[in-house]
PDB file of all heavy atoms in Angstrom:
ATOM      1  N   GLN A   1     -11.263 -94.615 -62.987  1.00  0.00           N
ATOM      2  CA  GLN A   1     -12.291 -95.204 -62.135  1.00  0.00           C
ATOM      3  C   GLN A   1     -12.306 -94.462 -60.798  1.00  0.00           C
ATOM      4  O   GLN A   1     -11.238 -94.121 -60.291  1.00  0.00           O
ATOM      5  CB  GLN A   1     -12.025 -96.677 -61.896  1.00  0.00           C
ATOM      6  CG  GLN A   1     -12.151 -97.557 -63.110  1.00  0.00           C
ATOM      7  CD  GLN A   1     -11.793 -98.987 -62.768  1.00  0.00           C
ATOM      8  OE1 GLN A   1     -10.622 -99.312 -62.640  1.00  0.00           O
ATOM      9  NE2 GLN A   1     -12.788 -99.827 -62.634  1.00  0.00           N
ATOM     10  N   HIS A   2     -13.495 -94.256 -60.244  1.00  0.00           N
ATOM     11  CA  HIS A   2     -13.644 -93.679 -58.918  1.00  0.00           C
ATOM     12  C   HIS A   2     -14.044 -94.805 -57.959  1.00  0.00           C
ATOM     13  O   HIS A   2     -14.889 -95.640 -58.297  1.00  0.00           O
ATOM     14  CB  HIS A   2     -14.763 -92.629 -58.899  1.00  0.00           C
ATOM     15  CG  HIS A   2     -14.638 -91.567 -59.945  1.00  0.00           C
ATOM     16  ND1 HIS A   2     -13.643 -90.636 -59.948  1.00  0.00           N
ATOM     17  CD2 HIS A   2     -15.395 -91.323 -61.044  1.00  0.00           C
ATOM     18  CE1 HIS A   2     -13.800 -89.817 -60.976  1.00  0.00           C
ATOM     19  NE2 HIS A   2     -14.871 -90.220 -61.672  1.00  0.00           N
ATOM     20  N   PHE A   3     -13.454 -94.810 -56.763  1.00  0.00           N
ATOM     21  CA  PHE A   3     -13.766 -95.824 -55.763  1.00  0.00           C
ATOM     22  C   PHE A   3     -14.105 -95.148 -54.434  1.00  0.00           C
ATOM     23  O   PHE A   3     -13.339 -94.295 -53.965  1.00  0.00           O
ATOM     24  CB  PHE A   3     -12.578 -96.764 -55.546  1.00  0.00           C
ATOM     25  CG  PHE A   3     -12.274 -97.630 -56.756  1.00  0.00           C
ATOM     26  CD1 PHE A   3     -11.393 -97.201 -57.722  1.00  0.00           C
ATOM     27  CD2 PHE A   3     -12.917 -98.858 -56.921  1.00  0.00           C
ATOM     28  CE1 PHE A   3     -11.124 -97.984 -58.827  1.00  0.00           C
ATOM     29  CE2 PHE A   3     -12.638 -99.636 -58.012  1.00  0.00           C
ATOM     30  CZ  PHE A   3     -11.746 -99.205 -58.989  1.00  0.00           C
ATOM     31  N   ASN A   4     -15.198 -95.534 -53.855  1.00  0.00           N
ATOM     32  CA  ASN A   4     -15.596 -95.071 -52.530  1.00  0.00           C
ATOM     33  C   ASN A   4     -14.869 -95.943 -51.503  1.00  0.00           C
ATOM     34  O   ASN A   4     -14.930 -97.174 -51.561  1.00  0.00           O
ATOM     35  CB  ASN A   4     -17.125 -95.198 -52.374  1.00  0.00           C
ATOM     36  CG  ASN A   4     -17.619 -94.717 -51.035  1.00  0.00           C
ATOM     37  OD1 ASN A   4     -16.873 -94.128 -50.261  1.00  0.00           O
ATOM     38  ND2 ASN A   4     -18.874 -94.956 -50.763  1.00  0.00           N
ATOM     39  N   ALA A   5     -14.193 -95.339 -50.534  1.00  0.00           N
ATOM     40  CA  ALA A   5     -13.446 -96.066 -49.534  1.00  0.00           C
ATOM     41  C   ALA A   5     -14.233 -96.345 -48.250  1.00  0.00           C
ATOM     42  O   ALA A   5     -13.704 -96.921 -47.333  1.00  0.00           O
ATOM     43  CB  ALA A   5     -12.144 -95.336 -49.197  1.00  0.00           C
ATOM     44  N   ASP A   6     -15.469 -95.905 -48.190  1.00  0.00           N
ATOM     45  CA  ASP A   6     -16.292 -96.083 -46.973  1.00  0.00           C
ATOM     46  C   ASP A   6     -17.603 -96.802 -47.345  1.00  0.00           C
ATOM     47  O   ASP A   6     -18.492 -96.208 -47.929  1.00  0.00           O
ATOM     48  CB  ASP A   6     -16.598 -94.701 -46.378  1.00  0.00           C
ATOM     49  CG  ASP A   6     -17.277 -94.779 -45.027  1.00  0.00           C
ATOM     50  OD1 ASP A   6     -17.750 -95.867 -44.648  1.00  0.00           O
ATOM     51  OD2 ASP A   6     -17.363 -93.730 -44.362  1.00  0.00           O
ATOM     52  N   ALA A   7     -17.679 -98.069 -46.987  1.00  0.00           N
ATOM     53  CA  ALA A   7     -18.862 -98.858 -47.322  1.00  0.00           C
ATOM     54  C   ALA A   7     -20.109 -98.380 -46.567  1.00  0.00           C
ATOM     55  O   ALA A   7     -21.226 -98.664 -46.994  1.00  0.00           O
ATOM     56  CB  ALA A   7     -18.604-100.322 -46.999  1.00  0.00           C
ATOM     57  N   ALA A   8     -19.935 -97.649 -45.476  1.00  0.00           N
ATOM     58  CA  ALA A   8     -21.074 -97.186 -44.678  1.00  0.00           C
ATOM     59  C   ALA A   8     -21.665 -95.870 -45.153  1.00  0.00           C
ATOM     60  O   ALA A   8     -22.815 -95.550 -44.815  1.00  0.00           O
ATOM     61  CB  ALA A   8     -20.660 -97.049 -43.216  1.00  0.00           C
ATOM     62  N   ARG A   9     -20.916 -95.095 -45.937  1.00  0.00           N
ATOM     63  CA  ARG A   9     -21.392 -93.793 -46.399  1.00  0.00           C
ATOM     64  C   ARG A   9     -21.162 -93.630 -47.894  1.00  0.00           C
ATOM     65  O   ARG A   9     -20.113 -94.030 -48.394  1.00  0.00           O
ATOM     66  CB  ARG A   9     -20.660 -92.659 -45.671  1.00  0.00           C
ATOM     67  CG  ARG A   9     -20.944 -92.571 -44.194  1.00  0.00           C
ATOM     68  CD  ARG A   9     -20.272 -91.411 -43.516  1.00  0.00           C
ATOM     69  NE  ARG A   9     -20.440 -90.169 -44.298  1.00  0.00           N
ATOM     70  CZ  ARG A   9     -19.561 -89.200 -44.339  1.00  0.00           C
ATOM     71  NH1 ARG A   9     -18.433 -89.301 -43.675  1.00  0.00           N
ATOM     72  NH2 ARG A   9     -19.789 -88.123 -45.054  1.00  0.00           N
ATOM     73  N   PRO A  10     -22.072 -93.000 -48.598  1.00  0.00           N
ATOM     74  CA  PRO A  10     -21.873 -92.805 -50.033  1.00  0.00           C
ATOM     75  C   PRO A  10     -20.853 -91.692 -50.302  1.00  0.00           C
ATOM     76  O   PRO A  10     -20.644 -90.809 -49.481  1.00  0.00           O
ATOM     77  CB  PRO A  10     -23.250 -92.400 -50.537  1.00  0.00           C
ATOM     78  CG  PRO A  10     -23.911 -91.770 -49.371  1.00  0.00           C
ATOM     79  CD  PRO A  10     -23.397 -92.501 -48.171  1.00  0.00           C
ATOM     80  N   ALA A  11     -20.232 -91.807 -51.440  1.00  0.00           N
ATOM     81  CA  ALA A  11     -19.382 -90.705 -51.939  1.00  0.00           C
ATOM     82  C   ALA A  11     -20.194 -90.004 -53.031  1.00  0.00           C
ATOM     83  O   ALA A  11     -20.839 -90.666 -53.830  1.00  0.00           O
ATOM     84  CB  ALA A  11     -18.081 -91.246 -52.494  1.00  0.00           C
ATOM     85  N   ARG A  12     -20.170 -88.704 -53.022  1.00  0.00           N
ATOM     86  CA  ARG A  12     -20.919 -87.940 -54.041  1.00  0.00           C
ATOM     87  C   ARG A  12     -19.958 -86.959 -54.712  1.00  0.00           C
ATOM     88  O   ARG A  12     -19.146 -86.325 -54.047  1.00  0.00           O
ATOM     89  CB  ARG A  12     -22.078 -87.188 -53.417  1.00  0.00           C
ATOM     90  CG  ARG A  12     -23.071 -88.124 -52.750  1.00  0.00           C
ATOM     91  CD  ARG A  12     -24.272 -87.358 -52.259  1.00  0.00           C
ATOM     92  NE  ARG A  12     -25.103 -88.180 -51.404  1.00  0.00           N
ATOM     93  CZ  ARG A  12     -26.057 -89.000 -51.833  1.00  0.00           C
ATOM     94  NH1 ARG A  12     -26.303 -89.100 -53.118  1.00  0.00           N
ATOM     95  NH2 ARG A  12     -26.761 -89.704 -50.977  1.00  0.00           N
ATOM     96  N   LEU A  13     -20.107 -86.847 -56.032  1.00  0.00           N
ATOM     97  CA  LEU A  13     -19.260 -85.922 -56.771  1.00  0.00           C
ATOM     98  C   LEU A  13     -20.095 -85.221 -57.826  1.00  0.00           C
ATOM     99  O   LEU A  13     -21.148 -85.691 -58.233  1.00  0.00           O
ATOM    100  CB  LEU A  13     -18.092 -86.651 -57.421  1.00  0.00           C
ATOM    101  CG  LEU A  13     -18.394 -87.692 -58.494  1.00  0.00           C
ATOM    102  CD1 LEU A  13     -18.314 -87.085 -59.869  1.00  0.00           C
ATOM    103  CD2 LEU A  13     -17.397 -88.826 -58.374  1.00  0.00           C
ATOM    104  N   ILE A  14     -19.609 -84.075 -58.229  1.00  0.00           N
ATOM    105  CA  ILE A  14     -20.187 -83.334 -59.348  1.00  0.00           C
ATOM    106  C   ILE A  14     -19.195 -83.497 -60.494  1.00  0.00           C
ATOM    107  O   ILE A  14     -18.002 -83.262 -60.335  1.00  0.00           O
ATOM    108  CB  ILE A  14     -20.376 -81.846 -58.995  1.00  0.00           C
ATOM    109  CG1 ILE A  14     -21.387 -81.712 -57.858  1.00  0.00           C
ATOM    110  CG2 ILE A  14     -20.838 -81.082 -60.224  1.00  0.00           C
ATOM    111  CD1 ILE A  14     -21.497 -80.313 -57.306  1.00  0.00           C
ATOM    112  N   SER A  15     -19.700 -83.900 -61.651  1.00  0.00           N
ATOM    113  CA  SER A  15     -18.847 -84.189 -62.784  1.00  0.00           C
ATOM    114  C   SER A  15     -19.211 -83.298 -63.971  1.00  0.00           C
ATOM    115  O   SER A  15     -20.400 -83.016 -64.211  1.00  0.00           O
ATOM    116  CB  SER A  15     -19.006 -85.656 -63.183  1.00  0.00           C
ATOM    117  OG  SER A  15     -18.231 -85.949 -64.323  1.00  0.00           O
ATOM    118  N   CYS A  16     -18.213 -82.827 -64.698  1.00  0.00           N
ATOM    119  CA  CYS A  16     -18.469 -82.045 -65.907  1.00  0.00           C
ATOM    120  C   CYS A  16     -17.414 -82.421 -66.949  1.00  0.00           C
ATOM    121  O   CYS A  16     -16.338 -82.899 -66.640  1.00  0.00           O
ATOM    122  CB  CYS A  16     -18.474 -80.545 -65.592  1.00  0.00           C
ATOM    123  SG  CYS A  16     -16.931 -79.928 -64.965  1.00  0.00           S
ATOM    124  N   THR A  17     -17.760 -82.099 -68.224  1.00  0.00           N
ATOM    125  CA  THR A  17     -16.872 -82.388 -69.347  1.00  0.00           C
ATOM    126  C   THR A  17     -16.666 -81.095 -70.123  1.00  0.00           C
ATOM    127  O   THR A  17     -17.582 -80.329 -70.329  1.00  0.00           O
ATOM    128  CB  THR A  17     -17.518 -83.441 -70.269  1.00  0.00           C
ATOM    129  OG1 THR A  17     -17.784 -84.612 -69.504  1.00  0.00           O
ATOM    130  CG2 THR A  17     -16.613 -83.778 -71.430  1.00  0.00           C
ATOM    131  N   ASN A  18     -15.446 -80.906 -70.591  1.00  0.00           N
ATOM    132  CA  ASN A  18     -15.109 -79.745 -71.413  1.00  0.00           C
ATOM    133  C   ASN A  18     -15.939 -79.789 -72.673  1.00  0.00           C
ATOM    134  O   ASN A  18     -15.852 -80.710 -73.483  1.00  0.00           O
ATOM    135  CB  ASN A  18     -13.614 -79.778 -71.728  1.00  0.00           C
ATOM    136  CG  ASN A  18     -13.158 -78.619 -72.539  1.00  0.00           C
ATOM    137  OD1 ASN A  18     -13.835 -78.155 -73.440  1.00  0.00           O
ATOM    138  ND2 ASN A  18     -11.983 -78.133 -72.216  1.00  0.00           N
ATOM    139  N   ARG A  19     -16.749 -78.738 -72.912  1.00  0.00           N
ATOM    140  CA  ARG A  19     -17.664 -78.769 -74.058  1.00  0.00           C
ATOM    141  C   ARG A  19     -16.927 -78.660 -75.399  1.00  0.00           C
ATOM    142  O   ARG A  19     -17.401 -79.150 -76.402  1.00  0.00           O
ATOM    143  CB  ARG A  19     -18.728 -77.704 -73.938  1.00  0.00           C
ATOM    144  CG  ARG A  19     -18.212 -76.293 -74.053  1.00  0.00           C
ATOM    145  CD  ARG A  19     -19.349 -75.329 -73.947  1.00  0.00           C
ATOM    146  NE  ARG A  19     -18.751 -73.999 -73.771  1.00  0.00           N
ATOM    147  CZ  ARG A  19     -19.418 -72.960 -73.424  1.00  0.00           C
ATOM    148  NH1 ARG A  19     -20.690 -73.026 -73.210  1.00  0.00           N
ATOM    149  NH2 ARG A  19     -18.823 -71.797 -73.266  1.00  0.00           N
ATOM    150  N   ILE A  20     -15.770 -78.016 -75.440  1.00  0.00           N
ATOM    151  CA  ILE A  20     -15.027 -77.951 -76.684  1.00  0.00           C
ATOM    152  C   ILE A  20     -14.564 -79.351 -77.070  1.00  0.00           C
ATOM    153  O   ILE A  20     -14.699 -79.770 -78.215  1.00  0.00           O
ATOM    154  CB  ILE A  20     -13.822 -76.973 -76.564  1.00  0.00           C
ATOM    155  CG1 ILE A  20     -14.350 -75.544 -76.398  1.00  0.00           C
ATOM    156  CG2 ILE A  20     -12.901 -77.095 -77.779  1.00  0.00           C
ATOM    157  CD1 ILE A  20     -13.282 -74.539 -76.106  1.00  0.00           C
ATOM    158  N   TYR A  21     -14.035 -80.054 -76.119  1.00  0.00           N
ATOM    159  CA  TYR A  21     -13.588 -81.450 -76.334  1.00  0.00           C
ATOM    160  C   TYR A  21     -14.793 -82.293 -76.783  1.00  0.00           C
ATOM    161  O   TYR A  21     -14.726 -83.050 -77.735  1.00  0.00           O
ATOM    162  CB  TYR A  21     -12.976 -81.960 -75.042  1.00  0.00           C
ATOM    163  CG  TYR A  21     -12.262 -83.277 -75.176  1.00  0.00           C
ATOM    164  CD1 TYR A  21     -11.021 -83.338 -75.775  1.00  0.00           C
ATOM    165  CD2 TYR A  21     -12.824 -84.460 -74.704  1.00  0.00           C
ATOM    166  CE1 TYR A  21     -10.335 -84.532 -75.900  1.00  0.00           C
ATOM    167  CE2 TYR A  21     -12.134 -85.651 -74.803  1.00  0.00           C
ATOM    168  CZ  TYR A  21     -10.907 -85.666 -75.409  1.00  0.00           C
ATOM    169  OH  TYR A  21     -10.248 -86.863 -75.522  1.00  0.00           O
ATOM    170  N   LYS A  22     -15.909 -82.121 -76.104  1.00  0.00           N
ATOM    171  CA  LYS A  22     -17.120 -82.887 -76.425  1.00  0.00           C
ATOM    172  C   LYS A  22     -17.628 -82.532 -77.828  1.00  0.00           C
ATOM    173  O   LYS A  22     -17.970 -83.419 -78.602  1.00  0.00           O
ATOM    174  CB  LYS A  22     -18.198 -82.583 -75.375  1.00  0.00           C
ATOM    175  CG  LYS A  22     -19.489 -83.337 -75.587  1.00  0.00           C
ATOM    176  CD  LYS A  22     -20.464 -82.988 -74.481  1.00  0.00           C
ATOM    177  CE  LYS A  22     -21.780 -83.709 -74.653  1.00  0.00           C
ATOM    178  NZ  LYS A  22     -22.722 -83.384 -73.589  1.00  0.00           N
ATOM    179  N   ASN A  23     -17.669 -81.256 -78.173  1.00  0.00           N
ATOM    180  CA  ASN A  23     -18.186 -80.835 -79.476  1.00  0.00           C
ATOM    181  C   ASN A  23     -17.267 -81.226 -80.619  1.00  0.00           C
ATOM    182  O   ASN A  23     -17.681 -81.231 -81.792  1.00  0.00           O
ATOM    183  CB  ASN A  23     -18.474 -79.341 -79.488  1.00  0.00           C
ATOM    184  CG  ASN A  23     -19.659 -78.959 -78.610  1.00  0.00           C
ATOM    185  OD1 ASN A  23     -20.525 -79.792 -78.337  1.00  0.00           O
ATOM    186  ND2 ASN A  23     -19.687 -77.734 -78.140  1.00  0.00           N
ATOM    187  N   CYS A  24     -16.025 -81.528 -80.344  1.00  0.00           N
ATOM    188  CA  CYS A  24     -15.091 -82.019 -81.388  1.00  0.00           C
ATOM    189  C   CYS A  24     -15.312 -83.508 -81.653  1.00  0.00           C
ATOM    190  O   CYS A  24     -14.624 -84.088 -82.494  1.00  0.00           O
ATOM    191  CB  CYS A  24     -13.662 -81.776 -80.960  1.00  0.00           C
ATOM    192  SG  CYS A  24     -13.172 -80.064 -81.042  1.00  0.00           S
ATOM    193  N   GLY A  25     -16.219 -84.136 -80.920  1.00  0.00           N
ATOM    194  CA  GLY A  25     -16.487 -85.561 -81.115  1.00  0.00           C
ATOM    195  C   GLY A  25     -15.525 -86.460 -80.383  1.00  0.00           C
ATOM    196  O   GLY A  25     -15.414 -87.652 -80.680  1.00  0.00           O
ATOM    197  N   LEU A  26     -14.816 -85.948 -79.425  1.00  0.00           N
ATOM    198  CA  LEU A  26     -13.806 -86.712 -78.692  1.00  0.00           C
ATOM    199  C   LEU A  26     -14.289 -87.069 -77.298  1.00  0.00           C
ATOM    200  O   LEU A  26     -13.499 -87.250 -76.361  1.00  0.00           O
ATOM    201  CB  LEU A  26     -12.486 -85.944 -78.628  1.00  0.00           C
ATOM    202  CG  LEU A  26     -11.898 -85.567 -79.969  1.00  0.00           C
ATOM    203  CD1 LEU A  26     -10.689 -84.676 -79.770  1.00  0.00           C
ATOM    204  CD2 LEU A  26     -11.530 -86.818 -80.760  1.00  0.00           C
ATOM    205  N   ASN A  27     -15.574 -87.177 -77.104  1.00  0.00           N
ATOM    206  CA  ASN A  27     -16.163 -87.433 -75.798  1.00  0.00           C
ATOM    207  C   ASN A  27     -16.591 -88.885 -75.672  1.00  0.00           C
ATOM    208  O   ASN A  27     -17.745 -89.203 -75.425  1.00  0.00           O
ATOM    209  CB  ASN A  27     -17.340 -86.492 -75.565  1.00  0.00           C
ATOM    210  CG  ASN A  27     -17.823 -86.535 -74.124  1.00  0.00           C
ATOM    211  OD1 ASN A  27     -17.021 -86.657 -73.227  1.00  0.00           O
ATOM    212  ND2 ASN A  27     -19.111 -86.448 -73.927  1.00  0.00           N
ATOM    213  N   ASP A  28     -15.663 -89.803 -75.879  1.00  0.00           N
ATOM    214  CA  ASP A  28     -15.971 -91.219 -75.776  1.00  0.00           C
ATOM    215  C   ASP A  28     -15.994 -91.627 -74.321  1.00  0.00           C
ATOM    216  O   ASP A  28     -14.956 -91.952 -73.745  1.00  0.00           O
ATOM    217  CB  ASP A  28     -14.950 -92.069 -76.540  1.00  0.00           C
ATOM    218  CG  ASP A  28     -14.999 -91.828 -78.019  1.00  0.00           C
ATOM    219  OD1 ASP A  28     -16.057 -91.388 -78.508  1.00  0.00           O
ATOM    220  OD2 ASP A  28     -13.995 -92.101 -78.688  1.00  0.00           O
ATOM    221  N   LEU A  29     -17.150 -91.585 -73.692  1.00  0.00           N
ATOM    222  CA  LEU A  29     -17.290 -92.033 -72.311  1.00  0.00           C
ATOM    223  C   LEU A  29     -17.930 -93.400 -72.324  1.00  0.00           C
ATOM    224  O   LEU A  29     -18.958 -93.629 -72.961  1.00  0.00           O
ATOM    225  CB  LEU A  29     -18.171 -91.072 -71.508  1.00  0.00           C
ATOM    226  CG  LEU A  29     -17.626 -89.651 -71.385  1.00  0.00           C
ATOM    227  CD1 LEU A  29     -18.616 -88.773 -70.636  1.00  0.00           C
ATOM    228  CD2 LEU A  29     -16.268 -89.629 -70.706  1.00  0.00           C
ATOM    229  N   GLU A  30     -17.298 -94.354 -71.648  1.00  0.00           N
ATOM    230  CA  GLU A  30     -17.800 -95.715 -71.636  1.00  0.00           C
ATOM    231  C   GLU A  30     -17.786 -96.223 -70.192  1.00  0.00           C
ATOM    232  O   GLU A  30     -16.759 -96.174 -69.546  1.00  0.00           O
ATOM    233  CB  GLU A  30     -16.935 -96.613 -72.511  1.00  0.00           C
ATOM    234  CG  GLU A  30     -17.416 -98.019 -72.584  1.00  0.00           C
ATOM    235  CD  GLU A  30     -16.555 -98.853 -73.549  1.00  0.00           C
ATOM    236  OE1 GLU A  30     -15.916 -98.264 -74.438  1.00  0.00           O
ATOM    237  OE2 GLU A  30     -16.527-100.074 -73.364  1.00  0.00           O
ATOM    238  N   GLN A  31     -18.925 -96.681 -69.738  1.00  0.00           N
ATOM    239  CA  GLN A  31     -19.003 -97.241 -68.390  1.00  0.00           C
ATOM    240  C   GLN A  31     -18.567 -98.695 -68.466  1.00  0.00           C
ATOM    241  O   GLN A  31     -19.187 -99.510 -69.141  1.00  0.00           O
ATOM    242  CB  GLN A  31     -20.412 -97.142 -67.837  1.00  0.00           C
ATOM    243  CG  GLN A  31     -20.513 -97.686 -66.434  1.00  0.00           C
ATOM    244  CD  GLN A  31     -21.860 -97.416 -65.790  1.00  0.00           C
ATOM    245  OE1 GLN A  31     -22.528 -96.448 -66.110  1.00  0.00           O
ATOM    246  NE2 GLN A  31     -22.250 -98.288 -64.909  1.00  0.00           N
ATOM    247  N   ILE A  32     -17.503 -99.017 -67.764  1.00  0.00           N
ATOM    248  CA  ILE A  32     -16.944-100.365 -67.819  1.00  0.00           C
ATOM    249  C   ILE A  32     -17.630-101.300 -66.829  1.00  0.00           C
ATOM    250  O   ILE A  32     -17.872-102.447 -67.124  1.00  0.00           O
ATOM    251  CB  ILE A  32     -15.413-100.303 -67.556  1.00  0.00           C
ATOM    252  CG1 ILE A  32     -14.755 -99.525 -68.675  1.00  0.00           C
ATOM    253  CG2 ILE A  32     -14.834-101.715 -67.450  1.00  0.00           C
ATOM    254  CD1 ILE A  32     -13.288 -99.261 -68.481  1.00  0.00           C
ATOM    255  N   GLY A  33     -17.971-100.780 -65.658  1.00  0.00           N
ATOM    256  CA  GLY A  33     -18.606-101.625 -64.650  1.00  0.00           C
ATOM    257  C   GLY A  33     -19.719-100.907 -63.951  1.00  0.00           C
ATOM    258  O   GLY A  33     -19.706 -99.681 -63.821  1.00  0.00           O
ATOM    259  N   ASP A  34     -20.726-101.659 -63.547  1.00  0.00           N
ATOM    260  CA  ASP A  34     -21.862-101.100 -62.828  1.00  0.00           C
ATOM    261  C   ASP A  34     -21.519-100.914 -61.347  1.00  0.00           C
ATOM    262  O   ASP A  34     -20.649-101.586 -60.811  1.00  0.00           O
ATOM    263  CB  ASP A  34     -23.081-101.994 -62.905  1.00  0.00           C
ATOM    264  CG  ASP A  34     -23.679-102.021 -64.306  1.00  0.00           C
ATOM    265  OD1 ASP A  34     -23.544-101.009 -65.021  1.00  0.00           O
ATOM    266  OD2 ASP A  34     -24.270-103.040 -64.682  1.00  0.00           O
ATOM    267  N   ALA A  35     -22.222-100.008 -60.702  1.00  0.00           N
ATOM    268  CA  ALA A  35     -22.151 -99.828 -59.254  1.00  0.00           C
ATOM    269  C   ALA A  35     -23.467-100.416 -58.724  1.00  0.00           C
ATOM    270  O   ALA A  35     -24.474 -99.709 -58.707  1.00  0.00           O
ATOM    271  CB  ALA A  35     -21.986 -98.372 -58.893  1.00  0.00           C
ATOM    272  N   PRO A  36     -23.495-101.688 -58.345  1.00  0.00           N
ATOM    273  CA  PRO A  36     -24.748-102.341 -57.999  1.00  0.00           C
ATOM    274  C   PRO A  36     -25.475-101.698 -56.824  1.00  0.00           C
ATOM    275  O   PRO A  36     -26.698-101.826 -56.693  1.00  0.00           O
ATOM    276  CB  PRO A  36     -24.352-103.792 -57.695  1.00  0.00           C
ATOM    277  CG  PRO A  36     -22.881-103.732 -57.453  1.00  0.00           C
ATOM    278  CD  PRO A  36     -22.359-102.553 -58.190  1.00  0.00           C
TER     279      PRO A  36
END
């Protein structure tokens, strides 16, 4: 889980996934909670 520590400013990130891992069918990404 990623958590922003500053309520006044957004945190921004660039995310990527290893395509070999993804193409092997092991890319089970599940969002557990919303960021309202």
